[in-house]
């Protein structure tokens, strides 16, 4: 009964958020009102206007339709010079689904009430304990981690706000001394641009798809002793651009295969990037005298396809995405578990499954790795050293504020699923205000109803689990620090640690508790120190 009712409530919650998001529309006819929006945002706004009946709308002459859909909302709060527009859109966004027929407040309370009742029936104190019974963390461990990260991030976040005030004042902003929520993202983006002058589009020529993949496969060979070879034609594919690869061990024997579908096809593929299994390793399902059925994975991305004689050129974020998804694929393919239900990514706890993927992302910032893939596709020129240093520095830009942004949500999630009493003296919004006083330098507005649109924990499977984003970051940063401790330019040490990572994190899958696996690799339990150092919240030296 609880599962059925919760599903219905979560579904209704999500529908209300979607309907409330669609409900807000602002038509703009004067281009001065949207000064600052980039060409892509103007094009989207005009396209939206056309879909709403303004047939002659163009990116150049309008009219333009602003909505609360993520691309439109984000472009306004980041780029619109019109402060009144930023305020109007921001206020509309944080009060979605909080009034009238679309009010999610009663649904939130009913969901929390049912989850608490379920926990009591199962003899737990609260729903967070139920949620974490199948996760790596415990409630106490999660709360302890979040407090460590919060306290380490606070002073830096305060300094971030002071820096924004100083910078905005230097630019003549009348609001500089009392920045509001709709000012923070705008001035933060202006400051980031002035500090680092990094244009993603200008970096594309240095990241050709073939060069990036060659470098990624070479890194896998160095770290894990495997060879990855094209095996096109060995298996049928669903599109001519899909590649098929064979993964071999040091003896040359095949141990896994994977498909890679790299390019965007809007009419056929959803947005984003993902990895999933085709088949898992299994001894029971072995055939033709083999010891086990070999695992097969598929990776899907949405990067720009080749155009004419120009190869597929990637943004740096797309490079990070490929490394990320390949990390997931490695855990699936390099498993040594013979039981399919716990082989590879199967059976790995929710808060540990991102360890290999986020671990691989770290290598994008390793100088030797990056320089091996960052070659201009026409001239062969390496990425300039000053650009690499800017990428490295931009990684930690306002890390304190960004950390607290996620910590607010994680702490609020745990508070609601541990201590909150539905229909008690304190409302869910009161809880948010209380939590935000210690997690936000600029507290939310009194009318903030962000929770009414918080799909993650009320409709997205993250109830008492939002902390897992930070938990996985800690694991991956700590794992990467094992290589830093050994000195990254020591190739012998890197290979030894890479082999150990393969034999533990990648090989053991869901067949062993992830904390035991991590301790086996690292020799101790996870520590947040490496993450804080990588985020610039502790002293750090550049990767070499």
Foldseek 3Di string as FASTA:
>chain_A
DLVVVLQVLLVLLQVLLVVLQVVDKDWAQDVLQQPFQDLVLLQVQQVVVCVVPPVPAHSVGDRGIATLPVVRLLSCLATGPNLVVLVVSVVSQLCRQCDDPSRSQVSVLVNLVSLQVVCVVVVHQFNLQVQCVLFQDHLVRLVVVLVVLLVLLPVLLVVLLVVLLVVVVVVVDPCSVPDDPSNSNHSLNVVLCVPQVDDQVVQQLQFFPVLLVVLLQVVCCLQAVKHKAWDPPPDDDDDPQKTKIFIAHNVRDTQEIEIEAEAADPVPDDADKAKDWPFAWAQVPDDDPDRIDHTYMYIYHHFHQADDPRHGTDGLVVSLRVQLRVQLVLLRHLAPDRHRCQGRQHQAGPLASSQSSVLSSVVCLAVVSVQSRRARPPPRHTDDPSNSVSVQVSLQRSVSQVSLVLSLVLVLLSCSGRPDDRPDPARSLNSSQVSQVSSPPRGDDSSRNNVSNPSCQSNNPCRSNSSSVVSSLQSSLQLNVCCVVVAVVPSVSSRVLSNLCSVQVRHCGSVDHVQVSSCSSNVDGTDNPSVCCSSVSDPDDRRD
